[in-house]
Amino acid sequence: MSTTPEDRNATIAGGALRAERAIDLAAFIGREFPPGSWQGVTQDQIDRFASLTGDRNWIHTDVARAARELEGGRTIVPGQLLLSLIPALLQEIYVVTGAGNSRVAGLRSVRFRQPISCGDEFRLHAQLILVSNARASCRWTPIAVSA
């Protein structure tokens, strides 16, 4: 992977950042990546997620009550559903090409700054703030914001 600023700009501007090894992402610490594409969640997706997880909180599943009682009049996307979308959203931002068996092993310090309602559009914004070698893995810490 090239490490000159000019090459890094070209790599990021051309779509998802591509790195051979996860540790190569360290060259991008402090850089804000271009935001991912706009996404949305339908009520059908919320209902299927609620069925799978057993989360039947009315703010997610009761469309009629949400119309009467919630600001904006729409159900709210479960936070766990939004978290489940992060791996796919991250792949729009970066791809580690040399990792034969890579995975997102965990998330930390997740905070939702505002609710996402059914039908709202959102996208991932990320800035790499830490990349470190850990035993048999590479840990990196992005900042993610929905808009």
N, C-alpha and C. Protein backbone atom coordinates (compact mmCIF):
# COMPACT_ATOMS: atom_id res chain seq x y z
N MET A 1 0.85 -1.18 0.00
CA MET A 1 0.00 0.00 0.00
C MET A 1 0.88 1.23 0.00
N SER A 2 0.58 2.20 -0.80
CA SER A 2 1.35 3.42 -0.88
C SER A 2 1.10 4.29 0.34
N THR A 3 2.12 5.04 0.75
CA THR A 3 1.95 5.87 1.94
C THR A 3 2.15 7.36 1.67
N THR A 4 2.31 7.76 0.43
CA THR A 4 2.45 9.19 0.17
C THR A 4 1.08 9.85 0.26
N PRO A 5 1.01 11.11 0.73
CA PRO A 5 -0.29 11.77 0.85
C PRO A 5 -1.06 11.80 -0.46
N GLU A 6 -0.37 12.00 -1.58
CA GLU A 6 -1.06 12.06 -2.87
C GLU A 6 -1.72 10.72 -3.19
N ASP A 7 -1.00 9.62 -2.95
CA ASP A 7 -1.55 8.30 -3.21
C ASP A 7 -2.71 7.99 -2.27
N ARG A 8 -2.60 8.41 -1.00
CA ARG A 8 -3.67 8.17 -0.05
C ARG A 8 -4.93 8.90 -0.49
N ASN A 9 -4.80 10.15 -0.94
CA ASN A 9 -5.98 10.88 -1.40
C ASN A 9 -6.63 10.16 -2.57
N ALA A 10 -5.84 9.70 -3.52
CA ALA A 10 -6.38 9.01 -4.69
C ALA A 10 -7.05 7.71 -4.27
N THR A 11 -6.46 7.00 -3.31
CA THR A 11 -7.02 5.73 -2.87
C THR A 11 -8.38 5.95 -2.22
N ILE A 12 -8.50 6.95 -1.37
CA ILE A 12 -9.76 7.22 -0.70
C ILE A 12 -10.79 7.77 -1.68
N ALA A 13 -10.38 8.67 -2.57
CA ALA A 13 -11.33 9.31 -3.48
C ALA A 13 -11.93 8.33 -4.47
N GLY A 14 -11.26 7.22 -4.75
CA GLY A 14 -11.74 6.27 -5.74
C GLY A 14 -12.76 5.28 -5.21
N GLY A 15 -13.35 5.50 -4.07
CA GLY A 15 -14.31 4.56 -3.48
C GLY A 15 -13.77 4.05 -2.17
N ALA A 16 -14.09 2.81 -1.85
CA ALA A 16 -13.63 2.23 -0.58
C ALA A 16 -12.11 2.18 -0.54
N LEU A 17 -11.55 2.54 0.59
CA LEU A 17 -10.12 2.44 0.82
C LEU A 17 -9.74 0.96 0.78
N ARG A 18 -8.69 0.62 0.07
CA ARG A 18 -8.24 -0.76 -0.01
C ARG A 18 -6.86 -0.85 0.62
N ALA A 19 -6.72 -1.76 1.58
CA ALA A 19 -5.45 -1.98 2.25
C ALA A 19 -5.13 -3.47 2.20
N GLU A 20 -3.88 -3.80 2.00
CA GLU A 20 -3.48 -5.21 1.97
C GLU A 20 -3.62 -5.84 3.35
N ARG A 21 -3.18 -5.13 4.39
CA ARG A 21 -3.26 -5.63 5.76
C ARG A 21 -3.96 -4.59 6.62
N ALA A 22 -4.65 -5.03 7.65
CA ALA A 22 -5.37 -4.10 8.52
C ALA A 22 -4.43 -3.07 9.13
N ILE A 23 -3.22 -3.46 9.49
CA ILE A 23 -2.28 -2.52 10.10
C ILE A 23 -1.90 -1.40 9.14
N ASP A 24 -2.05 -1.63 7.83
CA ASP A 24 -1.76 -0.58 6.84
C ASP A 24 -2.72 0.60 6.95
N LEU A 25 -3.87 0.37 7.60
CA LEU A 25 -4.83 1.46 7.79
C LEU A 25 -4.27 2.54 8.71
N ALA A 26 -3.19 2.25 9.45
CA ALA A 26 -2.59 3.23 10.36
C ALA A 26 -2.15 4.49 9.61
N ALA A 27 -1.86 4.37 8.33
CA ALA A 27 -1.46 5.54 7.53
C ALA A 27 -2.61 6.54 7.39
N PHE A 28 -3.81 6.14 7.77
CA PHE A 28 -4.99 7.00 7.59
C PHE A 28 -5.56 7.52 8.91
N ILE A 29 -4.83 7.34 10.00
CA ILE A 29 -5.30 7.85 11.29
C ILE A 29 -5.49 9.36 11.20
N GLY A 30 -6.63 9.82 11.71
CA GLY A 30 -6.94 11.25 11.70
C GLY A 30 -7.67 11.72 10.46
N ARG A 31 -7.72 10.90 9.44
CA ARG A 31 -8.43 11.27 8.21
C ARG A 31 -9.89 10.92 8.33
N GLU A 32 -10.76 11.81 7.91
CA GLU A 32 -12.17 11.48 7.84
C GLU A 32 -12.43 10.88 6.48
N PHE A 33 -13.05 9.71 6.46
CA PHE A 33 -13.35 9.05 5.21
C PHE A 33 -14.60 9.65 4.59
N PRO A 34 -14.74 9.59 3.27
CA PRO A 34 -15.99 10.05 2.66
C PRO A 34 -17.15 9.22 3.22
N PRO A 35 -18.29 9.84 3.44
CA PRO A 35 -19.42 9.09 4.00
C PRO A 35 -19.89 7.99 3.05
N GLY A 36 -20.48 6.96 3.65
CA GLY A 36 -21.04 5.87 2.86
C GLY A 36 -22.32 6.30 2.17
N SER A 37 -22.93 5.39 1.47
CA SER A 37 -24.17 5.70 0.75
C SER A 37 -25.34 5.81 1.73
N TRP A 38 -26.36 6.52 1.30
CA TRP A 38 -27.56 6.67 2.11
C TRP A 38 -28.28 5.33 2.20
N GLN A 39 -28.74 5.00 3.40
CA GLN A 39 -29.45 3.76 3.67
C GLN A 39 -30.77 4.08 4.35
N GLY A 40 -31.65 3.13 4.40
CA GLY A 40 -32.90 3.27 5.12
C GLY A 40 -33.35 1.90 5.62
N VAL A 41 -34.25 1.90 6.58
CA VAL A 41 -34.79 0.67 7.13
C VAL A 41 -36.31 0.74 7.01
N THR A 42 -36.90 -0.31 6.47
CA THR A 42 -38.36 -0.37 6.29
C THR A 42 -39.03 -0.96 7.52
N GLN A 43 -40.33 -0.78 7.63
CA GLN A 43 -41.06 -1.38 8.73
C GLN A 43 -41.03 -2.90 8.64
N ASP A 44 -41.04 -3.43 7.43
CA ASP A 44 -40.94 -4.88 7.28
C ASP A 44 -39.63 -5.40 7.86
N GLN A 45 -38.52 -4.70 7.61
CA GLN A 45 -37.23 -5.11 8.18
C GLN A 45 -37.27 -5.03 9.71
N ILE A 46 -37.87 -3.97 10.24
CA ILE A 46 -37.98 -3.83 11.69
C ILE A 46 -38.81 -4.99 12.26
N ASP A 47 -39.94 -5.29 11.64
CA ASP A 47 -40.81 -6.35 12.13
C ASP A 47 -40.11 -7.71 12.08
N ARG A 48 -39.37 -7.98 11.02
CA ARG A 48 -38.65 -9.25 10.93
C ARG A 48 -37.54 -9.33 11.98
N PHE A 49 -36.85 -8.22 12.22
CA PHE A 49 -35.81 -8.16 13.25
C PHE A 49 -36.43 -8.39 14.63
N ALA A 50 -37.57 -7.74 14.89
CA ALA A 50 -38.25 -7.90 16.18
C ALA A 50 -38.69 -9.35 16.38
N SER A 51 -39.16 -9.97 15.32
CA SER A 51 -39.57 -11.37 15.39
C SER A 51 -38.37 -12.27 15.71
N LEU A 52 -37.26 -12.00 15.08
CA LEU A 52 -36.06 -12.81 15.29
C LEU A 52 -35.50 -12.64 16.69
N THR A 53 -35.48 -11.42 17.20
CA THR A 53 -34.84 -11.13 18.49
C THR A 53 -35.80 -11.15 19.67
N GLY A 54 -37.09 -11.10 19.40
CA GLY A 54 -38.07 -11.04 20.48
C GLY A 54 -38.25 -9.65 21.06
N ASP A 55 -37.67 -8.64 20.44
CA ASP A 55 -37.81 -7.25 20.91
C ASP A 55 -39.12 -6.70 20.38
N ARG A 56 -40.15 -6.76 21.19
CA ARG A 56 -41.49 -6.32 20.77
C ARG A 56 -41.86 -4.96 21.37
N ASN A 57 -40.89 -4.15 21.71
CA ASN A 57 -41.18 -2.82 22.25
C ASN A 57 -42.03 -2.06 21.24
N TRP A 58 -43.12 -1.50 21.71
CA TRP A 58 -44.08 -0.86 20.80
C TRP A 58 -43.48 0.27 19.99
N ILE A 59 -42.43 0.94 20.50
CA ILE A 59 -41.84 2.05 19.73
C ILE A 59 -41.23 1.57 18.42
N HIS A 60 -40.98 0.26 18.33
CA HIS A 60 -40.43 -0.33 17.10
C HIS A 60 -41.51 -0.96 16.22
N THR A 61 -42.55 -1.50 16.84
CA THR A 61 -43.46 -2.38 16.10
C THR A 61 -44.90 -1.89 15.94
N ASP A 62 -45.34 -0.97 16.77
CA ASP A 62 -46.74 -0.54 16.73
C ASP A 62 -46.87 0.76 15.93
N VAL A 63 -47.11 0.62 14.65
CA VAL A 63 -47.17 1.77 13.73
C VAL A 63 -48.28 2.73 14.13
N ALA A 64 -49.46 2.21 14.47
CA ALA A 64 -50.60 3.08 14.82
C ALA A 64 -50.31 3.87 16.10
N ARG A 65 -49.77 3.21 17.11
CA ARG A 65 -49.46 3.92 18.36
C ARG A 65 -48.34 4.93 18.15
N ALA A 66 -47.34 4.57 17.36
CA ALA A 66 -46.24 5.50 17.06
C ALA A 66 -46.79 6.75 16.38
N ALA A 67 -47.76 6.57 15.48
CA ALA A 67 -48.36 7.71 14.78
C ALA A 67 -49.04 8.66 15.77
N ARG A 68 -49.60 8.10 16.84
CA ARG A 68 -50.29 8.92 17.83
C ARG A 68 -49.35 9.51 18.88
N GLU A 69 -48.33 8.74 19.30
CA GLU A 69 -47.60 9.10 20.51
C GLU A 69 -46.14 9.51 20.32
N LEU A 70 -45.54 9.18 19.21
CA LEU A 70 -44.12 9.53 19.03
C LEU A 70 -43.95 10.79 18.20
N GLU A 71 -42.97 11.58 18.59
CA GLU A 71 -42.62 12.75 17.78
C GLU A 71 -42.23 12.27 16.39
N GLY A 72 -42.79 12.84 15.38
CA GLY A 72 -42.54 12.41 14.01
C GLY A 72 -43.53 11.37 13.53
N GLY A 73 -44.23 10.73 14.46
CA GLY A 73 -45.30 9.80 14.11
C GLY A 73 -44.88 8.50 13.46
N ARG A 74 -43.61 8.10 13.61
CA ARG A 74 -43.14 6.85 12.99
C ARG A 74 -42.41 6.01 14.03
N THR A 75 -42.38 4.70 13.79
CA THR A 75 -41.66 3.81 14.68
C THR A 75 -40.16 4.13 14.62
N ILE A 76 -39.46 3.66 15.65
CA ILE A 76 -38.01 3.90 15.76
C ILE A 76 -37.27 2.60 15.44
N VAL A 77 -36.24 2.70 14.65
CA VAL A 77 -35.42 1.54 14.30
C VAL A 77 -34.67 1.08 15.56
N PRO A 78 -34.74 -0.21 15.90
CA PRO A 78 -34.00 -0.70 17.07
C PRO A 78 -32.50 -0.45 16.92
N GLY A 79 -31.88 -0.03 18.00
CA GLY A 79 -30.44 0.21 17.97
C GLY A 79 -29.65 -1.02 17.58
N GLN A 80 -30.08 -2.19 18.05
CA GLN A 80 -29.37 -3.42 17.71
C GLN A 80 -29.46 -3.72 16.21
N LEU A 81 -30.56 -3.34 15.58
CA LEU A 81 -30.68 -3.50 14.13
C LEU A 81 -29.68 -2.59 13.43
N LEU A 82 -29.59 -1.34 13.89
CA LEU A 82 -28.60 -0.43 13.29
C LEU A 82 -27.18 -0.96 13.47
N LEU A 83 -26.88 -1.49 14.66
CA LEU A 83 -25.55 -2.05 14.89
C LEU A 83 -25.26 -3.22 13.95
N SER A 84 -26.28 -4.01 13.64
CA SER A 84 -26.07 -5.17 12.77
C SER A 84 -25.73 -4.75 11.34
N LEU A 85 -26.02 -3.51 10.98
CA LEU A 85 -25.72 -3.01 9.63
C LEU A 85 -24.28 -2.50 9.50
N ILE A 86 -23.59 -2.28 10.61
CA ILE A 86 -22.27 -1.67 10.58
C ILE A 86 -21.25 -2.43 9.73
N PRO A 87 -21.14 -3.76 9.81
CA PRO A 87 -20.13 -4.42 8.96
C PRO A 87 -20.31 -4.11 7.47
N ALA A 88 -21.54 -4.14 6.98
CA ALA A 88 -21.77 -3.84 5.56
C ALA A 88 -21.47 -2.37 5.27
N LEU A 89 -21.85 -1.48 6.18
CA LEU A 89 -21.57 -0.05 5.97
C LEU A 89 -20.07 0.22 5.97
N LEU A 90 -19.33 -0.47 6.83
CA LEU A 90 -17.87 -0.29 6.87
C LEU A 90 -17.21 -0.75 5.57
N GLN A 91 -17.77 -1.78 4.93
CA GLN A 91 -17.18 -2.27 3.68
C GLN A 91 -17.29 -1.25 2.55
N GLU A 92 -18.18 -0.29 2.68
CA GLU A 92 -18.23 0.81 1.70
C GLU A 92 -17.10 1.79 1.94
N ILE A 93 -16.53 1.79 3.14
CA ILE A 93 -15.51 2.75 3.52
C ILE A 93 -14.11 2.17 3.39
N TYR A 94 -13.93 0.92 3.83
CA TYR A 94 -12.62 0.30 3.69
C TYR A 94 -12.76 -1.20 3.49
N VAL A 95 -11.76 -1.77 2.81
CA VAL A 95 -11.69 -3.21 2.59
C VAL A 95 -10.24 -3.62 2.81
N VAL A 96 -10.04 -4.66 3.61
CA VAL A 96 -8.70 -5.23 3.78
C VAL A 96 -8.62 -6.41 2.82
N THR A 97 -7.82 -6.23 1.77
CA THR A 97 -7.81 -7.21 0.68
C THR A 97 -7.00 -8.46 0.99
N GLY A 98 -6.00 -8.36 1.85
CA GLY A 98 -5.13 -9.50 2.12
C GLY A 98 -5.59 -10.36 3.28
N ALA A 99 -6.72 -10.04 3.85
CA ALA A 99 -7.19 -10.81 5.01
C ALA A 99 -8.02 -11.98 4.53
N GLY A 100 -7.50 -13.17 4.69
CA GLY A 100 -8.22 -14.35 4.25
C GLY A 100 -9.37 -14.72 5.17
N ASN A 101 -9.26 -14.34 6.44
CA ASN A 101 -10.28 -14.73 7.40
C ASN A 101 -10.50 -13.57 8.37
N SER A 102 -11.00 -12.45 7.87
CA SER A 102 -11.17 -11.30 8.74
C SER A 102 -12.62 -11.16 9.16
N ARG A 103 -12.83 -10.45 10.25
CA ARG A 103 -14.18 -10.23 10.76
C ARG A 103 -14.18 -9.06 11.73
N VAL A 104 -15.36 -8.50 11.91
CA VAL A 104 -15.54 -7.50 12.95
C VAL A 104 -15.81 -8.30 14.22
N ALA A 105 -14.90 -8.23 15.18
CA ALA A 105 -15.00 -9.07 16.37
C ALA A 105 -15.75 -8.38 17.50
N GLY A 106 -15.90 -7.08 17.45
CA GLY A 106 -16.59 -6.41 18.52
C GLY A 106 -16.69 -4.92 18.27
N LEU A 107 -17.60 -4.31 18.98
CA LEU A 107 -17.79 -2.86 18.91
C LEU A 107 -17.73 -2.34 20.35
N ARG A 108 -17.18 -1.15 20.53
CA ARG A 108 -17.14 -0.55 21.85
C ARG A 108 -17.63 0.88 21.80
N SER A 109 -18.07 1.34 22.93
CA SER A 109 -18.45 2.75 23.11
C SER A 109 -19.41 3.23 22.03
N VAL A 110 -20.45 2.49 21.82
CA VAL A 110 -21.45 2.88 20.83
C VAL A 110 -22.49 3.75 21.52
N ARG A 111 -22.80 4.87 20.91
CA ARG A 111 -23.81 5.77 21.44
C ARG A 111 -24.64 6.29 20.29
N PHE A 112 -25.96 6.26 20.47
CA PHE A 112 -26.85 6.79 19.45
C PHE A 112 -27.18 8.23 19.85
N ARG A 113 -26.84 9.16 18.99
CA ARG A 113 -27.04 10.58 19.31
C ARG A 113 -28.45 11.06 19.02
N GLN A 114 -29.14 10.33 18.18
CA GLN A 114 -30.52 10.68 17.86
C GLN A 114 -31.22 9.41 17.36
N PRO A 115 -32.52 9.32 17.55
CA PRO A 115 -33.22 8.14 17.04
C PRO A 115 -33.31 8.18 15.51
N ILE A 116 -33.30 7.00 14.93
CA ILE A 116 -33.53 6.85 13.49
C ILE A 116 -34.93 6.24 13.36
N SER A 117 -35.80 6.94 12.69
CA SER A 117 -37.17 6.44 12.52
C SER A 117 -37.27 5.63 11.24
N CYS A 118 -38.27 4.77 11.20
CA CYS A 118 -38.54 3.99 10.01
C CYS A 118 -38.69 4.94 8.82
N GLY A 119 -37.97 4.66 7.75
CA GLY A 119 -38.03 5.49 6.56
C GLY A 119 -37.01 6.61 6.51
N ASP A 120 -36.36 6.94 7.65
CA ASP A 120 -35.30 7.94 7.63
C ASP A 120 -34.13 7.42 6.82
N GLU A 121 -33.40 8.32 6.21
CA GLU A 121 -32.17 7.93 5.54
C GLU A 121 -31.01 8.26 6.46
N PHE A 122 -30.01 7.42 6.45
CA PHE A 122 -28.81 7.61 7.27
C PHE A 122 -27.62 7.07 6.51
N ARG A 123 -26.43 7.46 6.94
CA ARG A 123 -25.21 6.92 6.36
C ARG A 123 -24.11 6.97 7.40
N LEU A 124 -23.09 6.20 7.15
CA LEU A 124 -21.98 6.10 8.08
C LEU A 124 -20.93 7.14 7.75
N HIS A 125 -20.52 7.86 8.76
CA HIS A 125 -19.36 8.75 8.68
C HIS A 125 -18.31 8.15 9.59
N ALA A 126 -17.09 8.06 9.15
CA ALA A 126 -16.06 7.43 9.97
C ALA A 126 -14.75 8.17 9.86
N GLN A 127 -14.08 8.25 11.00
CA GLN A 127 -12.73 8.78 11.06
C GLN A 127 -11.92 7.77 11.84
N LEU A 128 -10.82 7.35 11.30
CA LEU A 128 -9.96 6.38 11.96
C LEU A 128 -9.17 7.09 13.04
N ILE A 129 -9.29 6.63 14.29
CA ILE A 129 -8.57 7.30 15.37
C ILE A 129 -7.54 6.41 16.04
N LEU A 130 -7.57 5.11 15.79
CA LEU A 130 -6.57 4.22 16.39
C LEU A 130 -6.47 2.95 15.57
N VAL A 131 -5.23 2.53 15.30
CA VAL A 131 -4.96 1.21 14.74
C VAL A 131 -3.82 0.65 15.57
N SER A 132 -4.00 -0.55 16.11
CA SER A 132 -2.94 -1.14 16.91
C SER A 132 -2.89 -2.63 16.67
N ASN A 133 -1.69 -3.18 16.79
CA ASN A 133 -1.53 -4.63 16.71
C ASN A 133 -1.91 -5.22 18.04
N ALA A 134 -2.79 -6.18 17.99
CA ALA A 134 -3.14 -6.94 19.17
C ALA A 134 -2.83 -8.39 18.84
N ARG A 135 -2.73 -9.21 19.84
CA ARG A 135 -2.41 -10.60 19.61
C ARG A 135 -3.27 -11.20 18.50
N ALA A 136 -2.66 -11.56 17.41
CA ALA A 136 -3.32 -12.22 16.27
C ALA A 136 -4.44 -11.38 15.65
N SER A 137 -4.44 -10.08 15.90
CA SER A 137 -5.47 -9.25 15.29
C SER A 137 -4.99 -7.81 15.21
N CYS A 138 -5.75 -7.02 14.51
CA CYS A 138 -5.48 -5.59 14.43
C CYS A 138 -6.74 -4.88 14.88
N ARG A 139 -6.60 -3.97 15.83
CA ARG A 139 -7.75 -3.25 16.36
C ARG A 139 -7.73 -1.84 15.81
N TRP A 140 -8.89 -1.38 15.36
CA TRP A 140 -8.98 0.01 14.92
C TRP A 140 -10.25 0.60 15.47
N THR A 141 -10.23 1.90 15.65
CA THR A 141 -11.35 2.58 16.30
C THR A 141 -11.83 3.71 15.40
N PRO A 142 -13.03 3.54 14.81
CA PRO A 142 -13.60 4.63 14.02
C PRO A 142 -14.57 5.44 14.85
N ILE A 143 -14.87 6.63 14.39
CA ILE A 143 -15.97 7.41 14.92
C ILE A 143 -17.08 7.32 13.89
N ALA A 144 -18.26 6.89 14.30
CA ALA A 144 -19.37 6.71 13.37
C ALA A 144 -20.53 7.61 13.77
N VAL A 145 -21.09 8.30 12.81
CA VAL A 145 -22.19 9.23 13.06
C VAL A 145 -23.27 9.00 12.02
N SER A 146 -24.52 8.96 12.44
CA SER A 146 -25.60 8.88 11.46
C SER A 146 -26.13 10.28 11.20
N ALA A 147 -26.54 10.54 9.98
CA ALA A 147 -27.05 11.88 9.64
C ALA A 147 -28.41 11.79 9.02
